[in-house]
PDB file of N, CA and C in Angstrom:
ATOM      1  N   UNK A   1       0.904  -1.109  -0.014  1.00  0.00           N
ATOM      2  CA  UNK A   1      -0.041  -0.006  -0.018  1.00  0.00           C
ATOM      3  C   UNK A   1       0.859   1.188  -0.030  1.00  0.00           C
ATOM      4  N   UNK A   2       0.613   2.162  -0.801  1.00  0.00           N
ATOM      5  CA  UNK A   2       1.393   3.417  -0.871  1.00  0.00           C
ATOM      6  C   UNK A   2       1.023   4.268   0.285  1.00  0.00           C
ATOM      7  N   UNK A   3       2.051   4.542   1.072  1.00  0.00           N
ATOM      8  CA  UNK A   3       1.800   5.454   2.223  1.00  0.00           C
ATOM      9  C   UNK A   3       2.412   6.794   1.950  1.00  0.00           C
ATOM     10  N   UNK A   4       2.866   7.167   0.844  1.00  0.00           N
ATOM     11  CA  UNK A   4       3.509   8.376   0.555  1.00  0.00           C
ATOM     12  C   UNK A   4       2.491   9.438   0.752  1.00  0.00           C
ATOM     13  N   UNK A   5       3.025  10.681   1.036  1.00  0.00           N
ATOM     14  CA  UNK A   5       2.139  11.882   1.379  1.00  0.00           C
ATOM     15  C   UNK A   5       1.716  12.468   0.106  1.00  0.00           C
ATOM     16  N   UNK A   6       0.502  13.048   0.132  1.00  0.00           N
ATOM     17  CA  UNK A   6      -0.148  13.700  -0.986  1.00  0.00           C
ATOM     18  C   UNK A   6       0.074  15.249  -0.878  1.00  0.00           C
ATOM     19  N   UNK A   7       0.339  15.876  -1.882  1.00  0.00           N
ATOM     20  CA  UNK A   7       0.590  17.340  -1.882  1.00  0.00           C
ATOM     21  C   UNK A   7      -0.770  18.073  -2.154  1.00  0.00           C
ATOM     22  N   UNK A   8      -1.057  18.985  -1.322  1.00  0.00           N
ATOM     23  CA  UNK A   8      -2.383  19.686  -1.405  1.00  0.00           C
ATOM     24  C   UNK A   8      -2.139  20.934  -2.297  1.00  0.00           C
ATOM     25  N   UNK A   9      -3.149  21.725  -2.582  1.00  0.00           N
ATOM     26  CA  UNK A   9      -3.134  22.851  -3.424  1.00  0.00           C
ATOM     27  C   UNK A   9      -2.365  23.976  -2.799  1.00  0.00           C
ATOM     28  N   UNK A  10      -2.121  24.001  -1.405  1.00  0.00           N
ATOM     29  CA  UNK A  10      -1.369  25.018  -0.773  1.00  0.00           C
ATOM     30  C   UNK A  10       0.096  24.577  -0.759  1.00  0.00           C
ATOM     31  N   UNK A  11       0.500  23.447  -1.349  1.00  0.00           N
ATOM     32  CA  UNK A  11       1.927  23.069  -1.371  1.00  0.00           C
ATOM     33  C   UNK A  11       2.373  22.197  -0.186  1.00  0.00           C
ATOM     34  N   UNK A  12       1.498  22.067   0.838  1.00  0.00           N
ATOM     35  CA  UNK A  12       1.804  21.211   1.976  1.00  0.00           C
ATOM     36  C   UNK A  12       1.553  19.778   1.659  1.00  0.00           C
ATOM     37  N   UNK A  13       2.096  18.970   2.331  1.00  0.00           N
ATOM     38  CA  UNK A  13       1.867  17.502   2.094  1.00  0.00           C
ATOM     39  C   UNK A  13       1.095  16.899   3.332  1.00  0.00           C
ATOM     40  N   UNK A  14       0.159  16.007   2.927  1.00  0.00           N
ATOM     41  CA  UNK A  14      -0.695  15.288   3.926  1.00  0.00           C
ATOM     42  C   UNK A  14      -0.752  13.855   3.494  1.00  0.00           C
ATOM     43  N   UNK A  15      -0.694  12.925   4.502  1.00  0.00           N
ATOM     44  CA  UNK A  15      -0.766  11.484   4.177  1.00  0.00           C
ATOM     45  C   UNK A  15      -2.162  11.191   3.713  1.00  0.00           C
ATOM     46  N   UNK A  16      -2.306  10.101   3.003  1.00  0.00           N
ATOM     47  CA  UNK A  16      -3.697   9.616   2.609  1.00  0.00           C
ATOM     48  C   UNK A  16      -4.482   9.264   3.846  1.00  0.00           C
ATOM     49  N   UNK A  17      -5.825   9.339   3.821  1.00  0.00           N
ATOM     50  CA  UNK A  17      -6.637   8.973   4.932  1.00  0.00           C
ATOM     51  C   UNK A  17      -6.970   7.498   4.708  1.00  0.00           C
ATOM     52  N   UNK A  18      -6.692   6.775   5.927  1.00  0.00           N
ATOM     53  CA  UNK A  18      -6.989   5.429   5.923  1.00  0.00           C
ATOM     54  C   UNK A  18      -8.259   5.155   6.849  1.00  0.00           C
ATOM     55  N   UNK A  19      -9.230   4.462   6.235  1.00  0.00           N
ATOM     56  CA  UNK A  19     -10.419   4.208   7.015  1.00  0.00           C
ATOM     57  C   UNK A  19     -10.847   2.724   6.974  1.00  0.00           C
ATOM     58  N   UNK A  20     -11.834   2.381   7.706  1.00  0.00           N
ATOM     59  CA  UNK A  20     -12.385   1.072   7.771  1.00  0.00           C
ATOM     60  C   UNK A  20     -11.584   0.217   8.726  1.00  0.00           C
ATOM     61  N   UNK A  21     -12.043  -1.034   8.744  1.00  0.00           N
ATOM     62  CA  UNK A  21     -11.340  -1.991   9.703  1.00  0.00           C
ATOM     63  C   UNK A  21     -10.301  -2.776   8.969  1.00  0.00           C
ATOM     64  N   UNK A  22      -9.360  -3.207   9.724  1.00  0.00           N
ATOM     65  CA  UNK A  22      -8.297  -3.988   9.010  1.00  0.00           C
ATOM     66  C   UNK A  22      -8.816  -5.415   8.805  1.00  0.00           C
ATOM     67  N   UNK A  23      -8.327  -5.997   7.693  1.00  0.00           N
ATOM     68  CA  UNK A  23      -8.684  -7.347   7.355  1.00  0.00           C
ATOM     69  C   UNK A  23      -7.368  -8.120   7.003  1.00  0.00           C
ATOM     70  N   UNK A  24      -7.443  -9.407   7.363  1.00  0.00           N
ATOM     71  CA  UNK A  24      -6.222 -10.229   6.937  1.00  0.00           C
ATOM     72  C   UNK A  24      -5.973 -10.192   5.452  1.00  0.00           C
ATOM     73  N   UNK A  25      -4.756 -10.111   5.083  1.00  0.00           N
ATOM     74  CA  UNK A  25      -4.353 -10.028   3.694  1.00  0.00           C
ATOM     75  C   UNK A  25      -4.298 -11.399   3.049  1.00  0.00           C
ATOM     76  N   UNK A  26      -4.734 -11.504   1.783  1.00  0.00           N
ATOM     77  CA  UNK A  26      -4.711 -12.676   0.977  1.00  0.00           C
ATOM     78  C   UNK A  26      -3.989 -12.500  -0.281  1.00  0.00           C
ATOM     79  N   UNK A  27      -3.414 -11.363  -0.444  1.00  0.00           N
ATOM     80  CA  UNK A  27      -2.652 -11.004  -1.714  1.00  0.00           C
ATOM     81  C   UNK A  27      -1.414 -11.850  -1.809  1.00  0.00           C
ATOM     82  N   UNK A  28      -0.951 -12.032  -3.023  1.00  0.00           N
ATOM     83  CA  UNK A  28       0.245 -12.713  -3.251  1.00  0.00           C
ATOM     84  C   UNK A  28       1.404 -11.842  -2.713  1.00  0.00           C
ATOM     85  N   UNK A  29       2.277 -12.345  -2.022  1.00  0.00           N
ATOM     86  CA  UNK A  29       3.396 -11.684  -1.445  1.00  0.00           C
ATOM     87  C   UNK A  29       3.145 -11.169  -0.051  1.00  0.00           C
ATOM     88  N   UNK A  30       1.758 -11.125   0.358  1.00  0.00           N
ATOM     89  CA  UNK A  30       1.452 -10.667   1.702  1.00  0.00           C
ATOM     90  C   UNK A  30       1.567 -11.914   2.593  1.00  0.00           C
ATOM     91  N   UNK A  31       2.040 -11.573   3.847  1.00  0.00           N
ATOM     92  CA  UNK A  31       2.118 -12.628   4.728  1.00  0.00           C
ATOM     93  C   UNK A  31       0.863 -12.938   5.264  1.00  0.00           C
ATOM     94  N   UNK A  32       0.563 -14.275   5.506  1.00  0.00           N
ATOM     95  CA  UNK A  32      -0.639 -14.727   6.169  1.00  0.00           C
ATOM     96  C   UNK A  32      -0.881 -14.068   7.522  1.00  0.00           C
ATOM     97  N   UNK A  33      -2.113 -13.542   7.763  1.00  0.00           N
ATOM     98  CA  UNK A  33      -2.331 -12.814   8.957  1.00  0.00           C
ATOM     99  C   UNK A  33      -2.036 -11.345   8.927  1.00  0.00           C
ATOM    100  N   UNK A  34      -1.393 -10.919   7.858  1.00  0.00           N
ATOM    101  CA  UNK A  34      -1.082  -9.415   7.772  1.00  0.00           C
ATOM    102  C   UNK A  34      -2.458  -8.726   7.585  1.00  0.00           C
ATOM    103  N   UNK A  35      -2.458  -7.460   7.884  1.00  0.00           N
ATOM    104  CA  UNK A  35      -3.799  -6.747   7.890  1.00  0.00           C
ATOM    105  C   UNK A  35      -3.750  -5.803   6.571  1.00  0.00           C
ATOM    106  N   UNK A  36      -4.966  -5.824   6.045  1.00  0.00           N
ATOM    107  CA  UNK A  36      -5.134  -4.854   4.851  1.00  0.00           C
ATOM    108  C   UNK A  36      -6.228  -3.894   5.277  1.00  0.00           C
ATOM    109  N   UNK A  37      -5.738  -2.581   5.092  1.00  0.00           N
ATOM    110  CA  UNK A  37      -6.746  -1.454   5.415  1.00  0.00           C
ATOM    111  C   UNK A  37      -7.250  -0.705   4.218  1.00  0.00           C
ATOM    112  N   UNK A  38      -8.440  -0.474   4.130  1.00  0.00           N
ATOM    113  CA  UNK A  38      -9.055   0.228   3.041  1.00  0.00           C
ATOM    114  C   UNK A  38      -8.411   1.687   3.039  1.00  0.00           C
ATOM    115  N   UNK A  39      -8.079   2.232   1.871  1.00  0.00           N
ATOM    116  CA  UNK A  39      -7.545   3.528   1.736  1.00  0.00           C
ATOM    117  C   UNK A  39      -8.513   4.469   1.011  1.00  0.00           C
ATOM    118  N   UNK A  40      -8.734   5.611   1.522  1.00  0.00           N
ATOM    119  CA  UNK A  40      -9.515   6.684   0.872  1.00  0.00           C
ATOM    120  C   UNK A  40      -8.659   7.977   0.904  1.00  0.00           C
ATOM    121  N   UNK A  41      -8.888   8.752  -0.153  1.00  0.00           N
ATOM    122  CA  UNK A  41      -8.190  10.074  -0.348  1.00  0.00           C
ATOM    123  C   UNK A  41      -9.305  11.165  -0.410  1.00  0.00           C
ATOM    124  N   UNK A  42      -8.741  12.350  -0.256  1.00  0.00           N
ATOM    125  CA  UNK A  42      -9.715  13.521  -0.406  1.00  0.00           C
ATOM    126  C   UNK A  42     -10.207  13.608  -1.895  1.00  0.00           C
ATOM    127  N   UNK A  43     -11.388  14.292  -2.016  1.00  0.00           N
ATOM    128  CA  UNK A  43     -11.934  14.387  -3.343  1.00  0.00           C
ATOM    129  C   UNK A  43     -10.950  14.967  -4.377  1.00  0.00           C
ATOM    130  N   UNK A  44     -10.925  14.355  -5.513  1.00  0.00           N
ATOM    131  CA  UNK A  44      -9.996  14.811  -6.581  1.00  0.00           C
ATOM    132  C   UNK A  44      -8.695  14.044  -6.579  1.00  0.00           C
ATOM    133  N   UNK A  45      -8.381  13.374  -5.531  1.00  0.00           N
ATOM    134  CA  UNK A  45      -7.066  12.705  -5.494  1.00  0.00           C
ATOM    135  C   UNK A  45      -7.363  11.187  -5.965  1.00  0.00           C
ATOM    136  N   UNK A  46      -6.558  10.712  -6.812  1.00  0.00           N
ATOM    137  CA  UNK A  46      -6.700   9.400  -7.406  1.00  0.00           C
ATOM    138  C   UNK A  46      -5.961   8.352  -6.567  1.00  0.00           C
ATOM    139  N   UNK A  47      -6.415   7.196  -6.462  1.00  0.00           N
ATOM    140  CA  UNK A  47      -5.762   6.056  -5.774  1.00  0.00           C
ATOM    141  C   UNK A  47      -4.623   5.438  -6.676  1.00  0.00           C
ATOM    142  N   UNK A  48      -3.595   5.041  -6.109  1.00  0.00           N
ATOM    143  CA  UNK A  48      -2.613   4.335  -6.952  1.00  0.00           C
ATOM    144  C   UNK A  48      -3.066   2.994  -7.180  1.00  0.00           C
ATOM    145  N   UNK A  49      -2.480   2.325  -8.085  1.00  0.00           N
ATOM    146  CA  UNK A  49      -2.826   0.896  -8.454  1.00  0.00           C
ATOM    147  C   UNK A  49      -2.695  -0.021  -7.238  1.00  0.00           C
ATOM    148  N   UNK A  50      -1.634   0.312  -6.465  1.00  0.00           N
ATOM    149  CA  UNK A  50      -1.408  -0.486  -5.264  1.00  0.00           C
ATOM    150  C   UNK A  50      -2.522  -0.256  -4.196  1.00  0.00           C
ATOM    151  N   UNK A  51      -2.998   0.929  -4.150  1.00  0.00           N
ATOM    152  CA  UNK A  51      -4.116   1.223  -3.149  1.00  0.00           C
ATOM    153  C   UNK A  51      -5.397   0.638  -3.650  1.00  0.00           C
ATOM    154  N   UNK A  52      -5.634   0.715  -4.987  1.00  0.00           N
ATOM    155  CA  UNK A  52      -6.804   0.097  -5.562  1.00  0.00           C
ATOM    156  C   UNK A  52      -6.855  -1.466  -5.305  1.00  0.00           C
ATOM    157  N   UNK A  53      -5.645  -2.056  -5.512  1.00  0.00           N
ATOM    158  CA  UNK A  53      -5.574  -3.579  -5.288  1.00  0.00           C
ATOM    159  C   UNK A  53      -5.781  -3.806  -3.829  1.00  0.00           C
ATOM    160  N   UNK A  54      -5.305  -3.033  -2.855  1.00  0.00           N
ATOM    161  CA  UNK A  54      -5.473  -3.263  -1.463  1.00  0.00           C
ATOM    162  C   UNK A  54      -6.923  -2.991  -1.100  1.00  0.00           C
ATOM    163  N   UNK A  55      -7.658  -2.036  -1.678  1.00  0.00           N
ATOM    164  CA  UNK A  55      -9.004  -1.834  -1.352  1.00  0.00           C
ATOM    165  C   UNK A  55      -9.914  -3.064  -1.978  1.00  0.00           C
ATOM    166  N   UNK A  56      -9.514  -3.528  -3.101  1.00  0.00           N
ATOM    167  CA  UNK A  56     -10.220  -4.746  -3.670  1.00  0.00           C
ATOM    168  C   UNK A  56     -10.019  -5.883  -2.819  1.00  0.00           C
ATOM    169  N   UNK A  57      -8.867  -6.195  -2.262  1.00  0.00           N
ATOM    170  CA  UNK A  57      -8.579  -7.312  -1.388  1.00  0.00           C
ATOM    171  C   UNK A  57      -9.356  -7.151  -0.115  1.00  0.00           C
ATOM    172  N   UNK A  58      -9.483  -6.026   0.458  1.00  0.00           N
ATOM    173  CA  UNK A  58     -10.131  -5.750   1.624  1.00  0.00           C
ATOM    174  C   UNK A  58     -11.665  -6.048   1.468  1.00  0.00           C
ATOM    175  N   UNK A  59     -12.178  -5.566   0.276  1.00  0.00           N
ATOM    176  CA  UNK A  59     -13.516  -5.713  -0.022  1.00  0.00           C
ATOM    177  C   UNK A  59     -13.868  -7.121  -0.165  1.00  0.00           C
ATOM    178  N   UNK A  60     -13.034  -7.956  -0.890  1.00  0.00           N
ATOM    179  CA  UNK A  60     -13.238  -9.312  -1.141  1.00  0.00           C
ATOM    180  C   UNK A  60     -13.195 -10.187   0.147  1.00  0.00           C
ATOM    181  N   UNK A  61     -12.292  -9.805   1.117  1.00  0.00           N
ATOM    182  CA  UNK A  61     -12.156 -10.366   2.324  1.00  0.00           C
ATOM    183  C   UNK A  61     -13.426 -10.138   3.190  1.00  0.00           C
ATOM    184  N   UNK A  62     -13.981  -8.910   3.088  1.00  0.00           N
ATOM    185  CA  UNK A  62     -15.196  -8.622   3.880  1.00  0.00           C
ATOM    186  C   UNK A  62     -16.425  -9.516   3.277  1.00  0.00           C
ATOM    187  N   UNK A  63     -16.431  -9.512   1.946  1.00  0.00           N
ATOM    188  CA  UNK A  63     -17.544 -10.416   1.286  1.00  0.00           C
ATOM    189  C   UNK A  63     -17.437 -11.804   1.725  1.00  0.00           C
ATOM    190  N   UNK A  64     -16.194 -12.391   1.739  1.00  0.00           N
ATOM    191  CA  UNK A  64     -16.029 -13.824   2.142  1.00  0.00           C
ATOM    192  C   UNK A  64     -16.433 -13.912   3.652  1.00  0.00           C
ATOM    193  N   UNK A  65     -16.037 -12.993   4.465  1.00  0.00           N
ATOM    194  CA  UNK A  65     -16.367 -13.162   5.882  1.00  0.00           C
ATOM    195  C   UNK A  65     -17.892 -13.087   6.118  1.00  0.00           C
ATOM    196  N   UNK A  66     -18.596 -12.222   5.314  1.00  0.00           N
ATOM    197  CA  UNK A  66     -19.991 -12.100   5.486  1.00  0.00           C
ATOM    198  C   UNK A  66     -20.668 -13.451   5.088  1.00  0.00           C
ATOM    199  N   UNK A  67     -20.159 -14.090   4.038  1.00  0.00           N
ATOM    200  CA  UNK A  67     -20.666 -15.413   3.602  1.00  0.00           C
ATOM    201  C   UNK A  67     -20.493 -16.403   4.628  1.00  0.00           C
ATOM    202  N   UNK A  68     -19.192 -16.474   5.259  1.00  0.00           N
ATOM    203  CA  UNK A  68     -18.954 -17.410   6.367  1.00  0.00           C
ATOM    204  C   UNK A  68     -19.949 -17.220   7.499  1.00  0.00           C
ATOM    205  N   UNK A  69     -20.211 -16.036   7.840  1.00  0.00           N
ATOM    206  CA  UNK A  69     -21.036 -15.657   8.935  1.00  0.00           C
ATOM    207  C   UNK A  69     -22.425 -16.162   8.663  1.00  0.00           C
ATOM    208  N   UNK A  70     -22.907 -15.974   7.414  1.00  0.00           N
ATOM    209  CA  UNK A  70     -24.224 -16.443   7.063  1.00  0.00           C
ATOM    210  C   UNK A  70     -24.280 -18.031   7.232  1.00  0.00           C
ATOM    211  N   UNK A  71     -23.261 -18.622   6.687  1.00  0.00           N
ATOM    212  CA  UNK A  71     -23.318 -20.111   6.909  1.00  0.00           C
ATOM    213  C   UNK A  71     -23.287 -20.523   8.307  1.00  0.00           C
ATOM    214  N   UNK A  72     -22.570 -19.905   9.153  1.00  0.00           N
ATOM    215  CA  UNK A  72     -22.555 -20.138  10.650  1.00  0.00           C
ATOM    216  C   UNK A  72     -23.846 -19.919  11.200  1.00  0.00           C
ATOM    217  N   UNK A  73     -24.585 -18.927  10.829  1.00  0.00           N
ATOM    218  CA  UNK A  73     -25.855 -18.638  11.308  1.00  0.00           C
ATOM    219  C   UNK A  73     -26.901 -19.735  10.933  1.00  0.00           C
ATOM    220  N   UNK A  74     -26.760 -20.281   9.668  1.00  0.00           N
ATOM    221  CA  UNK A  74     -27.621 -21.313   9.233  1.00  0.00           C
ATOM    222  C   UNK A  74     -27.317 -22.558  10.107  1.00  0.00           C
ATOM    223  N   UNK A  75     -26.032 -22.809  10.420  1.00  0.00           N
ATOM    224  CA  UNK A  75     -25.732 -24.001  11.236  1.00  0.00           C
ATOM    225  C   UNK A  75     -26.402 -23.918  12.558  1.00  0.00           C
ATOM    226  N   UNK A  76     -26.498 -22.689  13.150  1.00  0.00           N
ATOM    227  CA  UNK A  76     -27.043 -22.526  14.390  1.00  0.00           C
ATOM    228  C   UNK A  76     -28.568 -22.685  14.399  1.00  0.00           C
ATOM    229  N   UNK A  77     -29.204 -22.212  13.302  1.00  0.00           N
ATOM    230  CA  UNK A  77     -30.675 -22.257  13.253  1.00  0.00           C
ATOM    231  C   UNK A  77     -31.228 -23.559  12.775  1.00  0.00           C
ATOM    232  N   UNK A  78     -30.648 -24.259  11.839  1.00  0.00           N
ATOM    233  CA  UNK A  78     -31.141 -25.530  11.340  1.00  0.00           C
ATOM    234  C   UNK A  78     -30.807 -26.670  12.273  1.00  0.00           C
ATOM    235  N   UNK A  79     -31.832 -27.294  12.892  1.00  0.00           N
ATOM    236  CA  UNK A  79     -31.503 -28.372  13.861  1.00  0.00           C
ATOM    237  C   UNK A  79     -30.755 -29.559  13.402  1.00  0.00           C
ATOM    238  N   UNK A  80     -30.854 -29.832  12.076  1.00  0.00           N
ATOM    239  CA  UNK A  80     -30.119 -31.022  11.594  1.00  0.00           C
ATOM    240  C   UNK A  80     -28.708 -30.843  11.197  1.00  0.00           C
ATOM    241  N   UNK A  81     -28.221 -29.644  11.456  1.00  0.00           N
ATOM    242  CA  UNK A  81     -26.776 -29.324  11.181  1.00  0.00           C
ATOM    243  C   UNK A  81     -26.023 -29.209  12.448  1.00  0.00           C
ATOM    244  N   UNK A  82     -24.658 -29.635  12.250  1.00  0.00           N
ATOM    245  CA  UNK A  82     -23.785 -29.479  13.418  1.00  0.00           C
ATOM    246  C   UNK A  82     -22.666 -28.629  12.975  1.00  0.00           C
ATOM    247  N   UNK A  83     -21.918 -27.960  13.843  1.00  0.00           N
ATOM    248  CA  UNK A  83     -20.795 -27.068  13.587  1.00  0.00           C
ATOM    249  C   UNK A  83     -19.743 -27.835  12.747  1.00  0.00           C
ATOM    250  N   UNK A  84     -19.675 -29.182  12.890  1.00  0.00           N
ATOM    251  CA  UNK A  84     -18.648 -29.970  12.122  1.00  0.00           C
ATOM    252  C   UNK A  84     -18.960 -30.096  10.618  1.00  0.00           C
ATOM    253  N   UNK A  85     -20.225 -29.781  10.316  1.00  0.00           N
ATOM    254  CA  UNK A  85     -20.577 -29.911   8.950  1.00  0.00           C
ATOM    255  C   UNK A  85     -20.355 -28.510   8.199  1.00  0.00           C
ATOM    256  N   UNK A  86     -19.244 -28.506   7.469  1.00  0.00           N
ATOM    257  CA  UNK A  86     -18.833 -27.295   6.847  1.00  0.00           C
ATOM    258  C   UNK A  86     -19.025 -27.283   5.285  1.00  0.00           C
ATOM    259  N   UNK A  87     -19.609 -28.250   4.769  1.00  0.00           N
ATOM    260  CA  UNK A  87     -19.907 -28.291   3.368  1.00  0.00           C
ATOM    261  C   UNK A  87     -20.977 -27.314   3.014  1.00  0.00           C
ATOM    262  N   UNK A  88     -20.715 -26.386   2.195  1.00  0.00           N
ATOM    263  CA  UNK A  88     -21.729 -25.384   1.851  1.00  0.00           C
ATOM    264  C   UNK A  88     -22.899 -25.927   1.158  1.00  0.00           C
ATOM    265  N   UNK A  89     -22.636 -26.996   0.201  1.00  0.00           N
ATOM    266  CA  UNK A  89     -23.727 -27.614  -0.486  1.00  0.00           C
ATOM    267  C   UNK A  89     -24.663 -28.302   0.586  1.00  0.00           C
ATOM    268  N   UNK A  90     -24.125 -29.065   1.581  1.00  0.00           N
ATOM    269  CA  UNK A  90     -24.895 -29.753   2.531  1.00  0.00           C
ATOM    270  C   UNK A  90     -25.676 -28.702   3.413  1.00  0.00           C
ATOM    271  N   UNK A  91     -25.030 -27.578   3.752  1.00  0.00           N
ATOM    272  CA  UNK A  91     -25.669 -26.619   4.614  1.00  0.00           C
ATOM    273  C   UNK A  91     -26.927 -26.114   3.833  1.00  0.00           C
ATOM    274  N   UNK A  92     -26.767 -25.737   2.545  1.00  0.00           N
ATOM    275  CA  UNK A  92     -27.863 -25.261   1.783  1.00  0.00           C
ATOM    276  C   UNK A  92     -28.975 -26.328   1.602  1.00  0.00           C
ATOM    277  N   UNK A  93     -28.582 -27.506   1.320  1.00  0.00           N
ATOM    278  CA  UNK A  93     -29.579 -28.609   1.150  1.00  0.00           C
ATOM    279  C   UNK A  93     -30.418 -28.831   2.394  1.00  0.00           C
ATOM    280  N   UNK A  94     -29.675 -28.845   3.579  1.00  0.00           N
ATOM    281  CA  UNK A  94     -30.394 -29.166   4.843  1.00  0.00           C
ATOM    282  C   UNK A  94     -31.294 -27.866   5.185  1.00  0.00           C
ATOM    283  N   UNK A  95     -30.844 -26.644   4.814  1.00  0.00           N
ATOM    284  CA  UNK A  95     -31.679 -25.522   5.118  1.00  0.00           C
ATOM    285  C   UNK A  95     -32.876 -25.472   4.238  1.00  0.00           C
ATOM    286  N   UNK A  96     -32.842 -25.924   3.016  1.00  0.00           N
ATOM    287  CA  UNK A  96     -34.061 -25.950   2.137  1.00  0.00           C
ATOM    288  C   UNK A  96     -34.947 -26.978   2.690  1.00  0.00           C
ATOM    289  N   UNK A  97     -34.541 -28.167   3.227  1.00  0.00           N
ATOM    290  CA  UNK A  97     -35.345 -29.237   3.794  1.00  0.00           C
ATOM    291  C   UNK A  97     -36.097 -28.734   4.984  1.00  0.00           C
ATOM    292  N   UNK A  98     -35.301 -27.948   5.791  1.00  0.00           N
ATOM    293  CA  UNK A  98     -35.887 -27.370   7.114  1.00  0.00           C
ATOM    294  C   UNK A  98     -37.025 -26.339   6.768  1.00  0.00           C
ATOM    295  N   UNK A  99     -36.745 -25.512   5.767  1.00  0.00           N
ATOM    296  CA  UNK A  99     -37.753 -24.499   5.383  1.00  0.00           C
ATOM    297  C   UNK A  99     -38.964 -25.249   4.881  1.00  0.00           C
ATOM    298  N   UNK A 100     -38.825 -26.251   4.028  1.00  0.00           N
ATOM    299  CA  UNK A 100     -39.993 -26.969   3.625  1.00  0.00           C
ATOM    300  C   UNK A 100     -40.788 -27.557   4.798  1.00  0.00           C
ATOM    301  N   UNK A 101     -39.973 -28.205   5.742  1.00  0.00           N
ATOM    302  CA  UNK A 101     -40.627 -28.696   6.867  1.00  0.00           C
ATOM    303  C   UNK A 101     -41.461 -27.692   7.706  1.00  0.00           C
ATOM    304  N   UNK A 102     -40.855 -26.528   7.895  1.00  0.00           N
ATOM    305  CA  UNK A 102     -41.547 -25.485   8.597  1.00  0.00           C
ATOM    306  C   UNK A 102     -42.762 -24.951   7.823  1.00  0.00           C
ATOM    307  N   UNK A 103     -42.693 -24.866   6.559  1.00  0.00           N
ATOM    308  CA  UNK A 103     -43.914 -24.544   5.698  1.00  0.00           C
ATOM    309  C   UNK A 103     -45.021 -25.527   5.898  1.00  0.00           C
ATOM    310  N   UNK A 104     -44.682 -26.785   5.867  1.00  0.00           N
ATOM    311  CA  UNK A 104     -45.608 -27.880   6.007  1.00  0.00           C
ATOM    312  C   UNK A 104     -46.306 -27.886   7.471  1.00  0.00           C
ATOM    313  N   UNK A 105     -45.399 -27.600   8.478  1.00  0.00           N
ATOM    314  CA  UNK A 105     -45.931 -27.381   9.802  1.00  0.00           C
ATOM    315  C   UNK A 105     -46.921 -26.269   9.873  1.00  0.00           C
ATOM    316  N   UNK A 106     -46.569 -25.179   9.241  1.00  0.00           N
ATOM    317  CA  UNK A 106     -47.414 -24.043   9.258  1.00  0.00           C
ATOM    318  C   UNK A 106     -48.791 -24.332   8.595  1.00  0.00           C
ATOM    319  N   UNK A 107     -48.836 -25.006   7.540  1.00  0.00           N
ATOM    320  CA  UNK A 107     -50.065 -25.417   6.862  1.00  0.00           C
ATOM    321  C   UNK A 107     -50.894 -26.266   7.844  1.00  0.00           C
ATOM    322  N   UNK A 108     -50.272 -27.183   8.524  1.00  0.00           N
ATOM    323  CA  UNK A 108     -51.016 -28.071   9.471  1.00  0.00           C
ATOM    324  C   UNK A 108     -51.670 -27.241  10.602  1.00  0.00           C
ATOM    325  N   UNK A 109     -50.818 -26.268  11.173  1.00  0.00           N
ATOM    326  CA  UNK A 109     -51.303 -25.456  12.165  1.00  0.00           C
ATOM    327  C   UNK A 109     -52.506 -24.597  11.754  1.00  0.00           C
ATOM    328  N   UNK A 110     -52.349 -24.067  10.568  1.00  0.00           N
ATOM    329  CA  UNK A 110     -53.472 -23.171  10.056  1.00  0.00           C
ATOM    330  C   UNK A 110     -54.694 -23.988   9.797  1.00  0.00           C
ATOM    331  N   UNK A 111     -54.536 -25.280   9.415  1.00  0.00           N
ATOM    332  CA  UNK A 111     -55.704 -26.149   9.239  1.00  0.00           C
ATOM    333  C   UNK A 111     -56.429 -26.442  10.596  1.00  0.00           C
ATOM    334  N   UNK A 112     -55.531 -26.610  11.643  1.00  0.00           N
ATOM    335  CA  UNK A 112     -56.072 -26.862  12.945  1.00  0.00           C
ATOM    336  C   UNK A 112     -56.759 -25.703  13.470  1.00  0.00           C
ATOM    337  N   UNK A 113     -56.231 -24.529  13.155  1.00  0.00           N
ATOM    338  CA  UNK A 113     -56.933 -23.238  13.634  1.00  0.00           C
ATOM    339  C   UNK A 113     -58.340 -23.073  12.932  1.00  0.00           C
ATOM    340  N   UNK A 114     -58.417 -23.396  11.674  1.00  0.00           N
ATOM    341  CA  UNK A 114     -59.646 -23.328  11.037  1.00  0.00           C
ATOM    342  C   UNK A 114     -60.663 -24.391  11.556  1.00  0.00           C
ATOM    343  N   UNK A 115     -60.174 -25.523  11.947  1.00  0.00           N
ATOM    344  CA  UNK A 115     -61.049 -26.600  12.428  1.00  0.00           C
ATOM    345  C   UNK A 115     -61.626 -26.185  13.813  1.00  0.00           C
ATOM    346  N   UNK A 116     -60.877 -25.539  14.588  1.00  0.00           N
ATOM    347  CA  UNK A 116     -61.267 -25.092  15.903  1.00  0.00           C
ATOM    348  C   UNK A 116     -62.335 -23.961  15.814  1.00  0.00           C
ATOM    349  N   UNK A 117     -62.074 -23.255  14.790  1.00  0.00           N
ATOM    350  CA  UNK A 117     -63.085 -22.081  14.519  1.00  0.00           C
ATOM    351  C   UNK A 117     -64.347 -22.513  14.054  1.00  0.00           C
ATOM    352  N   UNK A 118     -64.625 -23.680  13.621  1.00  0.00           N
ATOM    353  CA  UNK A 118     -65.867 -24.117  13.055  1.00  0.00           C
ATOM    354  C   UNK A 118     -66.839 -24.588  14.122  1.00  0.00           C
TER     355      UNK A 118
END
């Protein structure tokens, strides 16, 4: 990531603004466990290719973490899944089965409510 200072219109230099949370690096050449931070600059300042790459890596890591979190939540919600089952295909299949089961249970309960109301 380029950490060189940027020159302002007044001739003074200011470092680029670094925002967001750090994420582990997955880029070639980056050590495993290294942190990648998203870089933003003031309006009108362009990002270097290295900064663009770092932002892309950080965004991709955030996307992957969100997907992992979603699968972890499904494992907690679906009773037929255990934390040791990490196959995404299996998690999706069992989740669909559970949703179908819940829909069937709902229809049965709605029928029972109608029968009681008669």
